[in-house]
C-alpha atoms as a PDB file:
ATOM      1  CA  MET A   1      -0.048  -0.699   0.255  1.00  0.00           C
ATOM      2  CA  SER A   2       0.892   3.050  -0.658  1.00  0.00           C
ATOM      3  CA  GLN A   3       2.105   6.070   1.843  1.00  0.00           C
ATOM      4  CA  ALA A   4       1.987   8.731  -1.004  1.00  0.00           C
ATOM      5  CA  ALA A   5      -1.374  10.858  -0.623  1.00  0.00           C
ATOM      6  CA  ILE A   6      -1.737  10.752  -4.677  1.00  0.00           C
ATOM      7  CA  LEU A   7      -0.319   9.022  -6.415  1.00  0.00           C
ATOM      8  CA  LEU A   8      -0.694   8.524 -10.440  1.00  0.00           C
ATOM      9  CA  GLN A   9       1.486   6.002 -12.596  1.00  0.00           C
ATOM     10  CA  HIS A  10       1.729   6.374 -16.253  1.00  0.00           C
ATOM     11  CA  VAL A  11      -1.548   8.218 -16.338  1.00  0.00           C
ATOM     12  CA  THR A  12      -2.865   9.204 -20.062  1.00  0.00           C
ATOM     13  CA  LYS A  13      -6.609  11.185 -20.773  1.00  0.00           C
ATOM     14  CA  ARG A  14      -7.807  11.721 -24.410  1.00  0.00           C
ATOM     15  CA  PHE A  15     -10.728  14.141 -25.477  1.00  0.00           C
ATOM     16  CA  ALA A  16     -12.139  13.824 -28.988  1.00  0.00           C
ATOM     17  CA  GLY A  17      -8.057  12.765 -30.149  1.00  0.00           C
ATOM     18  CA  HIS A  18      -6.710  15.502 -28.478  1.00  0.00           C
ATOM     19  CA  THR A  19      -4.273  14.510 -25.777  1.00  0.00           C
ATOM     20  CA  ALA A  20      -4.288  15.977 -22.532  1.00  0.00           C
ATOM     21  CA  ILE A  21      -2.589  13.498 -20.301  1.00  0.00           C
ATOM     22  CA  HIS A  22       0.186  11.845 -21.504  1.00  0.00           C
ATOM     23  CA  ASP A  23       2.086   9.142 -19.208  1.00  0.00           C
ATOM     24  CA  LEU A  24       2.068  11.474 -16.683  1.00  0.00           C
ATOM     25  CA  SER A  25       3.494   9.813 -13.479  1.00  0.00           C
ATOM     26  CA  LEU A  26       3.305  11.764  -9.611  1.00  0.00           C
ATOM     27  CA  GLU A  27       3.489  11.063  -6.337  1.00  0.00           C
ATOM     28  CA  VAL A  28       2.556  13.776  -4.211  1.00  0.00           C
ATOM     29  CA  PRO A  29       4.087  12.810  -0.396  1.00  0.00           C
ATOM     30  CA  ARG A  30       1.792  13.171   2.877  1.00  0.00           C
ATOM     31  CA  GLY A  31       1.882  16.488   4.667  1.00  0.00           C
ATOM     32  CA  GLY A  32       3.246  19.550   2.820  1.00  0.00           C
ATOM     33  CA  ILE A  33       2.753  22.162  -0.025  1.00  0.00           C
ATOM     34  CA  PHE A  34       2.803  20.441  -3.529  1.00  0.00           C
ATOM     35  CA  GLY A  35       2.641  22.417  -5.911  1.00  0.00           C
ATOM     36  CA  LEU A  36       1.197  21.298  -9.558  1.00  0.00           C
ATOM     37  CA  LEU A  37       2.661  24.084 -12.587  1.00  0.00           C
ATOM     38  CA  GLY A  38       2.241  24.802 -15.231  1.00  0.00           C
ATOM     39  CA  PRO A  39       0.665  27.197 -18.348  1.00  0.00           C
ATOM     40  CA  ASN A  40      -2.811  27.466 -18.848  1.00  0.00           C
ATOM     41  CA  GLY A  41      -3.876  24.484 -20.950  1.00  0.00           C
ATOM     42  CA  ALA A  42      -1.025  21.871 -19.611  1.00  0.00           C
ATOM     43  CA  GLY A  43      -3.314  19.766 -17.976  1.00  0.00           C
ATOM     44  CA  LYS A  44      -3.370  20.640 -14.193  1.00  0.00           C
ATOM     45  CA  THR A  45      -6.947  20.701 -14.631  1.00  0.00           C
ATOM     46  CA  THR A  46      -7.621  17.940 -16.494  1.00  0.00           C
ATOM     47  CA  THR A  47      -5.198  15.863 -13.828  1.00  0.00           C
ATOM     48  CA  ILE A  48      -6.945  17.213 -10.886  1.00  0.00           C
ATOM     49  CA  ARG A  49     -10.342  15.796 -11.739  1.00  0.00           C
ATOM     50  CA  MET A  50      -8.822  12.911 -12.416  1.00  0.00           C
ATOM     51  CA  ILE A  51      -7.869  12.568  -9.069  1.00  0.00           C
ATOM     52  CA  LEU A  52     -10.952  13.467  -7.515  1.00  0.00           C
ATOM     53  CA  HIS A  53     -12.492  10.696  -9.758  1.00  0.00           C
ATOM     54  CA  VAL A  54     -14.561  13.638 -11.966  1.00  0.00           C
ATOM     55  CA  ILE A  55     -13.369  11.534 -14.645  1.00  0.00           C
ATOM     56  CA  THR A  56     -11.479   8.809 -15.655  1.00  0.00           C
ATOM     57  CA  PRO A  57      -8.145   8.256 -17.447  1.00  0.00           C
ATOM     58  CA  ASP A  58      -7.612   6.289 -20.499  1.00  0.00           C
ATOM     59  CA  GLU A  59      -4.767   4.557 -19.420  1.00  0.00           C
ATOM     60  CA  GLY A  60      -2.528   4.249 -15.911  1.00  0.00           C
ATOM     61  CA  THR A  61      -4.101   3.913 -12.720  1.00  0.00           C
ATOM     62  CA  ILE A  62      -4.319   7.074 -10.101  1.00  0.00           C
ATOM     63  CA  THR A  63      -4.074   6.102  -6.086  1.00  0.00           C
ATOM     64  CA  LEU A  64      -5.484   8.111  -3.269  1.00  0.00           C
ATOM     65  CA  LEU A  65      -5.004   8.117   0.536  1.00  0.00           C
ATOM     66  CA  GLY A  66      -2.738   4.763   0.325  1.00  0.00           C
ATOM     67  CA  GLY A  67      -5.598   3.694  -2.037  1.00  0.00           C
ATOM     68  CA  GLU A  68      -8.826   3.474   0.384  1.00  0.00           C
ATOM     69  CA  GLY A  69     -11.278   4.259  -1.794  1.00  0.00           C
ATOM     70  CA  THR A  70     -11.590   6.314  -5.105  1.00  0.00           C
ATOM     71  CA  GLY A  71     -12.214  10.522  -4.990  1.00  0.00           C
ATOM     72  CA  ARG A  72     -15.512   9.569  -4.615  1.00  0.00           C
ATOM     73  CA  GLU A  73     -15.826   7.196  -1.752  1.00  0.00           C
ATOM     74  CA  LEU A  74     -13.194   9.539  -0.224  1.00  0.00           C
ATOM     75  CA  ALA A  75     -15.361  12.670  -0.435  1.00  0.00           C
ATOM     76  CA  HIS A  76     -14.974  13.140   3.364  1.00  0.00           C
ATOM     77  CA  ARG A  77     -11.423  12.491   3.452  1.00  0.00           C
ATOM     78  CA  VAL A  78     -11.070  15.584   0.992  1.00  0.00           C
ATOM     79  CA  GLY A  79     -11.111  19.268   0.188  1.00  0.00           C
ATOM     80  CA  TYR A  80     -11.325  20.707  -2.642  1.00  0.00           C
ATOM     81  CA  LEU A  81     -11.834  24.561  -4.434  1.00  0.00           C
ATOM     82  CA  PRO A  82     -12.149  24.763  -7.777  1.00  0.00           C
ATOM     83  CA  GLU A  83     -10.855  27.158 -10.619  1.00  0.00           C
ATOM     84  CA  GLU A  84     -14.603  27.801 -11.358  1.00  0.00           C
ATOM     85  CA  ARG A  85     -16.718  28.844  -8.742  1.00  0.00           C
ATOM     86  CA  GLY A  86     -19.699  26.389  -8.207  1.00  0.00           C
ATOM     87  CA  LEU A  87     -21.333  28.141  -5.798  1.00  0.00           C
ATOM     88  CA  TYR A  88     -25.579  28.679  -5.259  1.00  0.00           C
ATOM     89  CA  LYS A  89     -25.883  32.339  -6.221  1.00  0.00           C
ATOM     90  CA  LYS A  90     -29.689  32.532  -4.120  1.00  0.00           C
ATOM     91  CA  MET A  91     -28.353  31.400  -0.981  1.00  0.00           C
ATOM     92  CA  ARG A  92     -27.428  32.667   2.006  1.00  0.00           C
ATOM     93  CA  VAL A  93     -23.690  32.741   2.948  1.00  0.00           C
ATOM     94  CA  LEU A  94     -23.963  30.784   5.876  1.00  0.00           C
ATOM     95  CA  ASP A  95     -27.221  27.760   4.811  1.00  0.00           C
ATOM     96  CA  HIS A  96     -25.060  27.443   1.664  1.00  0.00           C
ATOM     97  CA  LEU A  97     -22.066  26.232   4.225  1.00  0.00           C
ATOM     98  CA  ILE A  98     -24.149  24.911   6.293  1.00  0.00           C
ATOM     99  CA  PHE A  99     -25.616  23.126   3.300  1.00  0.00           C
ATOM    100  CA  LEU A 100     -21.456  22.309   1.957  1.00  0.00           C
ATOM    101  CA  ALA A 101     -20.502  20.762   5.225  1.00  0.00           C
ATOM    102  CA  GLU A 102     -23.151  18.397   6.197  1.00  0.00           C
ATOM    103  CA  ILE A 103     -23.093  16.622   2.870  1.00  0.00           C
ATOM    104  CA  ARG A 104     -20.027  15.748   4.034  1.00  0.00           C
ATOM    105  CA  SER A 105     -21.502  13.967   7.130  1.00  0.00           C
ATOM    106  CA  LEU A 106     -21.391  16.635   9.551  1.00  0.00           C
ATOM    107  CA  SER A 107     -23.987  18.007  11.842  1.00  0.00           C
ATOM    108  CA  ARG A 108     -26.640  20.831  11.377  1.00  0.00           C
ATOM    109  CA  ALA A 109     -25.317  22.085  14.642  1.00  0.00           C
ATOM    110  CA  GLU A 110     -21.792  21.624  14.057  1.00  0.00           C
ATOM    111  CA  ALA A 111     -21.686  23.058  10.898  1.00  0.00           C
ATOM    112  CA  ARG A 112     -22.335  25.985  12.047  1.00  0.00           C
ATOM    113  CA  ARG A 113     -20.076  26.590  14.512  1.00  0.00           C
ATOM    114  CA  ARG A 114     -17.588  25.472  11.574  1.00  0.00           C
ATOM    115  CA  SER A 115     -19.000  28.480   8.938  1.00  0.00           C
ATOM    116  CA  LEU A 116     -19.286  31.078  11.608  1.00  0.00           C
ATOM    117  CA  GLN A 117     -16.029  30.913  12.474  1.00  0.00           C
ATOM    118  CA  TRP A 118     -14.673  30.344   9.140  1.00  0.00           C
ATOM    119  CA  LEU A 119     -16.832  33.371   8.380  1.00  0.00           C
ATOM    120  CA  ASP A 120     -15.091  35.664  11.365  1.00  0.00           C
ATOM    121  CA  ARG A 121     -11.553  34.192  10.299  1.00  0.00           C
ATOM    122  CA  LEU A 122     -11.697  35.965   7.083  1.00  0.00           C
ATOM    123  CA  GLY A 123     -13.561  38.490   7.308  1.00  0.00           C
ATOM    124  CA  LEU A 124     -16.811  37.639   5.907  1.00  0.00           C
ATOM    125  CA  HIS A 125     -19.170  38.094   9.451  1.00  0.00           C
ATOM    126  CA  ASP A 126     -21.171  40.799   8.312  1.00  0.00           C
ATOM    127  CA  TRP A 127     -21.795  38.706   4.847  1.00  0.00           C
ATOM    128  CA  THR A 128     -23.262  35.739   7.030  1.00  0.00           C
ATOM    129  CA  ASN A 129     -27.114  36.408   5.950  1.00  0.00           C
ATOM    130  CA  HIS A 130     -26.467  37.584   2.185  1.00  0.00           C
ATOM    131  CA  LYS A 131     -27.265  35.964  -0.342  1.00  0.00           C
ATOM    132  CA  VAL A 132     -23.803  34.691  -2.178  1.00  0.00           C
ATOM    133  CA  GLU A 133     -24.637  37.200  -5.472  1.00  0.00           C
ATOM    134  CA  ASP A 134     -24.305  40.220  -3.575  1.00  0.00           C
ATOM    135  CA  LEU A 135     -20.896  39.043  -2.868  1.00  0.00           C
ATOM    136  CA  SER A 136     -18.126  40.058  -5.031  1.00  0.00           C
ATOM    137  CA  LYS A 137     -16.517  37.768  -6.950  1.00  0.00           C
ATOM    138  CA  GLY A 138     -13.048  37.655  -4.186  1.00  0.00           C
ATOM    139  CA  MET A 139     -16.118  37.154  -1.388  1.00  0.00           C
ATOM    140  CA  GLN A 140     -17.439  33.848  -3.316  1.00  0.00           C
ATOM    141  CA  GLN A 141     -13.670  33.038  -3.756  1.00  0.00           C
ATOM    142  CA  LYS A 142     -13.184  33.328   0.153  1.00  0.00           C
ATOM    143  CA  VAL A 143     -16.623  31.338   0.423  1.00  0.00           C
ATOM    144  CA  GLN A 144     -15.199  28.316  -1.163  1.00  0.00           C
ATOM    145  CA  PHE A 145     -12.605  27.757   0.497  1.00  0.00           C
ATOM    146  CA  ILE A 146     -13.729  27.631   3.234  1.00  0.00           C
ATOM    147  CA  GLY A 147     -16.185  24.971   1.526  1.00  0.00           C
ATOM    148  CA  ALA A 148     -13.049  23.080   1.005  1.00  0.00           C
ATOM    149  CA  LEU A 149     -12.203  22.961   4.675  1.00  0.00           C
ATOM    150  CA  LEU A 150     -14.781  22.912   6.328  1.00  0.00           C
ATOM    151  CA  HIS A 151     -15.264  18.873   6.857  1.00  0.00           C
ATOM    152  CA  GLU A 152     -11.167  19.542   8.295  1.00  0.00           C
ATOM    153  CA  PRO A 153     -10.043  17.073   5.625  1.00  0.00           C
ATOM    154  CA  GLU A 154      -6.151  15.089   5.218  1.00  0.00           C
ATOM    155  CA  LEU A 155      -5.729  16.191   1.886  1.00  0.00           C
ATOM    156  CA  VAL A 156      -6.769  19.873   0.771  1.00  0.00           C
ATOM    157  CA  ILE A 157      -7.082  20.289  -3.185  1.00  0.00           C
ATOM    158  CA  LEU A 158      -6.698  23.881  -4.728  1.00  0.00           C
ATOM    159  CA  ASP A 159      -7.325  24.484  -8.449  1.00  0.00           C
ATOM    160  CA  GLU A 160      -5.709  28.355  -8.915  1.00  0.00           C
ATOM    161  CA  PRO A 161      -6.474  29.452  -5.418  1.00  0.00           C
ATOM    162  CA  PHE A 162      -6.211  32.836  -5.359  1.00  0.00           C
ATOM    163  CA  SER A 163      -7.115  33.812  -8.537  1.00  0.00           C
ATOM    164  CA  GLY A 164      -9.014  37.251  -8.697  1.00  0.00           C
ATOM    165  CA  LEU A 165      -8.347  37.866  -5.023  1.00  0.00           C
ATOM    166  CA  ASP A 166      -6.343  41.281  -4.295  1.00  0.00           C
ATOM    167  CA  PRO A 167      -3.336  41.200  -2.450  1.00  0.00           C
ATOM    168  CA  VAL A 168      -5.085  41.157   1.117  1.00  0.00           C
ATOM    169  CA  ASN A 169      -6.719  38.582   0.653  1.00  0.00           C
ATOM    170  CA  SER A 170      -4.747  36.255  -1.190  1.00  0.00           C
ATOM    171  CA  GLN A 171      -2.398  36.819   2.111  1.00  0.00           C
ATOM    172  CA  VAL A 172      -5.125  35.489   4.156  1.00  0.00           C
ATOM    173  CA  MET A 173      -6.126  32.412   2.242  1.00  0.00           C
ATOM    174  CA  LYS A 174      -2.165  31.631   2.151  1.00  0.00           C
ATOM    175  CA  ASP A 175      -1.856  32.313   5.524  1.00  0.00           C
ATOM    176  CA  VAL A 176      -3.946  29.165   5.947  1.00  0.00           C
ATOM    177  CA  VAL A 177      -2.823  27.464   3.421  1.00  0.00           C
ATOM    178  CA  VAL A 178       0.690  27.268   5.288  1.00  0.00           C
ATOM    179  CA  GLU A 179      -1.084  26.607   8.321  1.00  0.00           C
ATOM    180  CA  ILE A 180      -2.901  23.528   6.957  1.00  0.00           C
ATOM    181  CA  ALA A 181      -0.053  22.173   5.928  1.00  0.00           C
ATOM    182  CA  ARG A 182       2.094  22.537   9.590  1.00  0.00           C
ATOM    183  CA  GLY A 183      -0.600  21.393  10.913  1.00  0.00           C
ATOM    184  CA  GLY A 184       0.072  17.675   9.082  1.00  0.00           C
ATOM    185  CA  ARG A 185      -2.614  17.350   6.388  1.00  0.00           C
ATOM    186  CA  THR A 186      -1.360  17.404   2.940  1.00  0.00           C
ATOM    187  CA  VAL A 187      -1.989  20.761   0.641  1.00  0.00           C
ATOM    188  CA  LEU A 188      -1.889  19.804  -3.520  1.00  0.00           C
ATOM    189  CA  PHE A 189      -1.375  23.404  -4.895  1.00  0.00           C
ATOM    190  CA  SER A 190      -2.621  23.981  -8.847  1.00  0.00           C
ATOM    191  CA  THR A 191      -1.554  27.366 -10.233  1.00  0.00           C
ATOM    192  CA  HIS A 192      -0.126  28.545 -13.512  1.00  0.00           C
ATOM    193  CA  ILE A 193       2.009  31.741 -11.193  1.00  0.00           C
ATOM    194  CA  MET A 194       5.535  30.160 -10.819  1.00  0.00           C
ATOM    195  CA  GLU A 195       6.282  32.971  -7.664  1.00  0.00           C
ATOM    196  CA  GLN A 196       3.540  31.768  -6.159  1.00  0.00           C
ATOM    197  CA  ALA A 197       4.289  28.376  -6.059  1.00  0.00           C
ATOM    198  CA  GLU A 198       8.107  28.971  -5.331  1.00  0.00           C
ATOM    199  CA  LYS A 199       7.132  30.909  -2.169  1.00  0.00           C
ATOM    200  CA  MET A 200       5.122  28.221  -0.827  1.00  0.00           C
ATOM    201  CA  CYS A 201       5.464  24.682  -2.028  1.00  0.00           C
ATOM    202  CA  ASP A 202       8.098  22.012  -0.673  1.00  0.00           C
ATOM    203  CA  ARG A 203       7.836  20.315  -3.879  1.00  0.00           C
ATOM    204  CA  VAL A 204       6.881  21.198  -7.738  1.00  0.00           C
ATOM    205  CA  ALA A 205       5.786  19.133 -10.807  1.00  0.00           C
ATOM    206  CA  ILE A 206       5.524  21.473 -13.433  1.00  0.00           C
ATOM    207  CA  ILE A 207       3.690  20.061 -16.481  1.00  0.00           C
ATOM    208  CA  ALA A 208       3.812  21.769 -20.154  1.00  0.00           C
ATOM    209  CA  ARG A 209       1.457  20.021 -22.957  1.00  0.00           C
ATOM    210  CA  GLY A 210       0.170  17.545 -21.347  1.00  0.00           C
ATOM    211  CA  GLU A 211       3.822  16.386 -20.084  1.00  0.00           C
ATOM    212  CA  LYS A 212       6.212  16.039 -17.061  1.00  0.00           C
ATOM    213  CA  ILE A 213       8.793  18.695 -17.264  1.00  0.00           C
ATOM    214  CA  LEU A 214      10.188  18.401 -14.053  1.00  0.00           C
ATOM    215  CA  ASP A 215       9.217  17.196 -10.539  1.00  0.00           C
ATOM    216  CA  GLY A 216      11.195  17.303  -7.422  1.00  0.00           C
ATOM    217  CA  SER A 217      11.885  19.503  -4.087  1.00  0.00           C
ATOM    218  CA  LEU A 218      12.543  23.195  -4.801  1.00  0.00           C
ATOM    219  CA  ALA A 219      16.314  22.942  -4.000  1.00  0.00           C
ATOM    220  CA  GLU A 220      16.485  19.858  -6.053  1.00  0.00           C
ATOM    221  CA  ILE A 221      15.023  21.419  -8.996  1.00  0.00           C
ATOM    222  CA  LYS A 222      17.876  24.346  -8.957  1.00  0.00           C
ATOM    223  CA  ALA A 223      20.685  22.297  -7.899  1.00  0.00           C
ATOM    224  CA  GLY A 224      19.194  20.584 -11.214  1.00  0.00           C
ATOM    225  CA  ALA A 225      19.442  24.023 -13.439  1.00  0.00           C
ATOM    226  CA  GLY A 226      23.246  23.847 -13.225  1.00  0.00           C
ATOM    227  CA  LYS A 227      23.020  28.178 -14.366  1.00  0.00           C
ATOM    228  CA  ARG A 228      24.507  30.703 -12.866  1.00  0.00           C
ATOM    229  CA  HIS A 229      21.657  33.599 -12.375  1.00  0.00           C
ATOM    230  CA  VAL A 230      21.920  37.268 -11.182  1.00  0.00           C
ATOM    231  CA  ALA A 231      19.991  39.874  -9.501  1.00  0.00           C
ATOM    232  CA  LEU A 232      19.853  43.276 -10.539  1.00  0.00           C
ATOM    233  CA  ALA A 233      17.911  46.549 -10.137  1.00  0.00           C
ATOM    234  CA  TYR A 234      18.822  49.873 -11.362  1.00  0.00           C
ATOM    235  CA  HIS A 235      17.622  53.364 -10.644  1.00  0.00           C
ATOM    236  CA  ARG A 236      18.681  55.836 -13.291  1.00  0.00           C
ATOM    237  CA  ASP A 237      18.601  54.632 -17.225  1.00  0.00           C
ATOM    238  CA  ALA A 238      16.700  50.833 -17.828  1.00  0.00           C
ATOM    239  CA  ALA A 239      18.137  51.898 -21.179  1.00  0.00           C
ATOM    240  CA  ARG A 240      21.772  51.669 -20.395  1.00  0.00           C
ATOM    241  CA  ALA A 241      21.471  48.539 -18.963  1.00  0.00           C
ATOM    242  CA  ALA A 242      19.413  46.921 -21.859  1.00  0.00           C
ATOM    243  CA  ARG A 243      22.040  47.292 -23.798  1.00  0.00           C
ATOM    244  CA  VAL A 244      24.226  46.202 -21.510  1.00  0.00           C
ATOM    245  CA  LEU A 245      22.184  42.574 -21.320  1.00  0.00           C
ATOM    246  CA  GLU A 246      22.254  42.353 -25.219  1.00  0.00           C
ATOM    247  CA  ASP A 247      26.146  41.267 -24.906  1.00  0.00           C
ATOM    248  CA  ARG A 248      26.013  37.680 -25.560  1.00  0.00           C
ATOM    249  CA  LYS A 249      29.622  37.163 -24.138  1.00  0.00           C
ATOM    250  CA  LEU A 250      28.385  38.073 -20.654  1.00  0.00           C
ATOM    251  CA  VAL A 251      24.248  37.029 -20.823  1.00  0.00           C
ATOM    252  CA  ALA A 252      22.769  34.130 -21.896  1.00  0.00           C
ATOM    253  CA  ARG A 253      19.111  35.082 -20.860  1.00  0.00           C
ATOM    254  CA  VAL A 254      17.077  37.886 -19.391  1.00  0.00           C
ATOM    255  CA  ASP A 255      13.895  38.063 -18.041  1.00  0.00           C
ATOM    256  CA  ASP A 256      13.446  41.742 -18.217  1.00  0.00           C
ATOM    257  CA  TYR A 257      11.281  44.157 -15.342  1.00  0.00           C
ATOM    258  CA  GLY A 258      12.209  47.211 -16.333  1.00  0.00           C
ATOM    259  CA  ALA A 259      13.753  48.672 -13.541  1.00  0.00           C
ATOM    260  CA  SER A 260      14.814  45.190 -12.856  1.00  0.00           C
ATOM    261  CA  ALA A 261      16.250  41.790 -14.376  1.00  0.00           C
ATOM    262  CA  GLU A 262      16.811  38.236 -13.506  1.00  0.00           C
ATOM    263  CA  VAL A 263      20.182  37.427 -15.872  1.00  0.00           C
ATOM    264  CA  GLU A 264      21.168  34.303 -16.575  1.00  0.00           C
ATOM    265  CA  LEU A 265      24.901  34.143 -17.544  1.00  0.00           C
ATOM    266  CA  ALA A 266      27.240  32.836 -20.688  1.00  0.00           C
ATOM    267  CA  ALA A 267      29.050  30.006 -20.446  1.00  0.00           C
ATOM    268  CA  GLY A 268      32.314  31.369 -18.916  1.00  0.00           C
ATOM    269  CA  ALA A 269      31.372  34.189 -18.698  1.00  0.00           C
ATOM    270  CA  ASP A 270      32.678  36.866 -15.338  1.00  0.00           C
ATOM    271  CA  SER A 271      29.967  37.898 -12.871  1.00  0.00           C
ATOM    272  CA  ASP A 272      32.813  40.713 -12.141  1.00  0.00           C
ATOM    273  CA  GLU A 273      32.704  41.185 -16.293  1.00  0.00           C
ATOM    274  CA  LEU A 274      29.219  42.371 -15.498  1.00  0.00           C
ATOM    275  CA  LEU A 275      29.109  44.238 -12.953  1.00  0.00           C
ATOM    276  CA  ARG A 276      31.914  46.468 -13.753  1.00  0.00           C
ATOM    277  CA  SER A 277      30.380  47.342 -17.445  1.00  0.00           C
ATOM    278  CA  LEU A 278      26.985  48.491 -15.163  1.00  0.00           C
ATOM    279  CA  VAL A 279      29.169  50.320 -13.349  1.00  0.00           C
ATOM    280  CA  THR A 280      30.542  51.790 -16.009  1.00  0.00           C
ATOM    281  CA  SER A 281      27.865  52.715 -18.236  1.00  0.00           C
ATOM    282  CA  GLY A 282      26.270  54.629 -14.978  1.00  0.00           C
ATOM    283  CA  VAL A 283      22.763  52.714 -14.681  1.00  0.00           C
ATOM    284  CA  GLY A 284      22.900  53.451 -10.989  1.00  0.00           C
ATOM    285  CA  LEU A 285      22.760  49.978  -9.084  1.00  0.00           C
ATOM    286  CA  SER A 286      21.334  49.350  -6.042  1.00  0.00           C
ATOM    287  CA  ARG A 287      21.053  45.314  -6.515  1.00  0.00           C
ATOM    288  CA  PHE A 288      23.575  42.997  -8.012  1.00  0.00           C
ATOM    289  CA  GLU A 289      23.260  39.726  -6.269  1.00  0.00           C
ATOM    290  CA  ILE A 290      24.562  35.675  -7.444  1.00  0.00           C
ATOM    291  CA  VAL A 291      21.368  34.194  -6.901  1.00  0.00           C
ATOM    292  CA  GLU A 292      19.574  30.729  -7.635  1.00  0.00           C
ATOM    293  CA  PRO A 293      17.081  30.275 -10.892  1.00  0.00           C
ATOM    294  CA  SER A 294      13.797  31.306  -9.747  1.00  0.00           C
ATOM    295  CA  LEU A 295      11.345  28.628 -10.834  1.00  0.00           C
ATOM    296  CA  GLN A 296       9.893  31.081 -13.526  1.00  0.00           C
ATOM    297  CA  SER A 297      13.403  31.391 -15.095  1.00  0.00           C
ATOM    298  CA  ILE A 298      13.882  27.718 -14.965  1.00  0.00           C
ATOM    299  CA  PHE A 299      10.728  26.490 -16.353  1.00  0.00           C
ATOM    300  CA  ILE A 300      11.050  29.330 -19.369  1.00  0.00           C
ATOM    301  CA  ASP A 301      14.228  27.070 -19.968  1.00  0.00           C
ATOM    302  CA  ARG A 302      13.004  23.761 -20.344  1.00  0.00           C
ATOM    303  CA  VAL A 303      10.157  24.300 -21.814  1.00  0.00           C
ATOM    304  CA  GLY A 304      10.600  27.516 -23.959  1.00  0.00           C
ATOM    305  CA  ARG A 305       8.549  30.760 -24.001  1.00  0.00           C
ATOM    306  CA  ASP A 306       5.735  29.609 -26.562  1.00  0.00           C
ATOM    307  CA  ALA A 307       4.780  26.624 -23.653  1.00  0.00           C
ATOM    308  CA  ALA A 308       4.686  29.483 -21.006  1.00  0.00           C
ATOM    309  CA  THR A 309       2.271  31.416 -22.809  1.00  0.00           C
ATOM    310  CA  ALA A 310      -0.080  28.786 -23.892  1.00  0.00           C
ATOM    311  CA  PRO A 311      -3.785  29.230 -24.528  1.00  0.00           C
ATOM    312  CA  ALA A 312      -6.169  27.391 -22.259  1.00  0.00           C
ATOM    313  CA  THR A 313      -7.183  24.380 -23.848  1.00  0.00           C
ATOM    314  CA  GLU A 314      -7.279  22.052 -21.634  1.00  0.00           C
ATOM    315  CA  ASP A 315     -10.933  23.040 -19.714  1.00  0.00           C
ATOM    316  CA  ALA A 316     -12.981  22.952 -23.507  1.00  0.00           C
ATOM    317  CA  HIS A 317     -12.373  19.338 -23.716  1.00  0.00           C
ATOM    318  CA  ALA A 318     -12.778  18.278 -19.350  1.00  0.00           C
END
């Protein structure tokens, strides 16, 4: 019996001749935050729907929580936040949460108690008796997030959980996710935003065009990149900096953010020489630091910019 929270072995899924997932093997260990990463249309949502037994793979096997049942049979042990809204808009917020908790076998009294606690924690107490349709999209997302957690599941699956949230509400939900993981539960966190995953996840898998590109801990993935990177920031003349960074004897690739950049040094290039060139150009450096490559730069390096900006297609099939 597998000790993994989720185990996929050689899973393939096709829709009308389109292969959404091809030969995907993946192990999500129990405890911590696991990032399922990739661009829109990479196959993340299709993978999650197969894990939850909403759809079935054409090939391969999926084992959930040690092989003790299917996604539907284990619903009381799994919490799921889908990317799309799945709320009944005419229901009042508290009634909706009580309903969601009751179908996960909580008593009405316990469902009410937990719902009120969560609404207060996430700043929705004043909206308890409002209809769901009266809430902003961000508040609806928080209600749906509460609904995924009310029954205290041991496995929490979040599909693009911070989509549409402002920074304050994103931070509130991130704090909850981190707390859950520290308590020993497992979080599978799907996103196309690499910066979020880099800050939150213990382990990640990157998929593109339905295939796994990378899989492992962040430290392992960064150590395996084999690239030397420099983080830059400047406050005078970004155009001058851009001209220096065009020198392919010094720089292999640049992620340019305007007043800052992440630079991959060319093979055999000396970081001191790059520093001298920037200082001589008069860009007004405020940061020059040798850093590990970011998850974003590793992703682009491995799958290319076309894959990083691929159109969303999977939801049209799944």
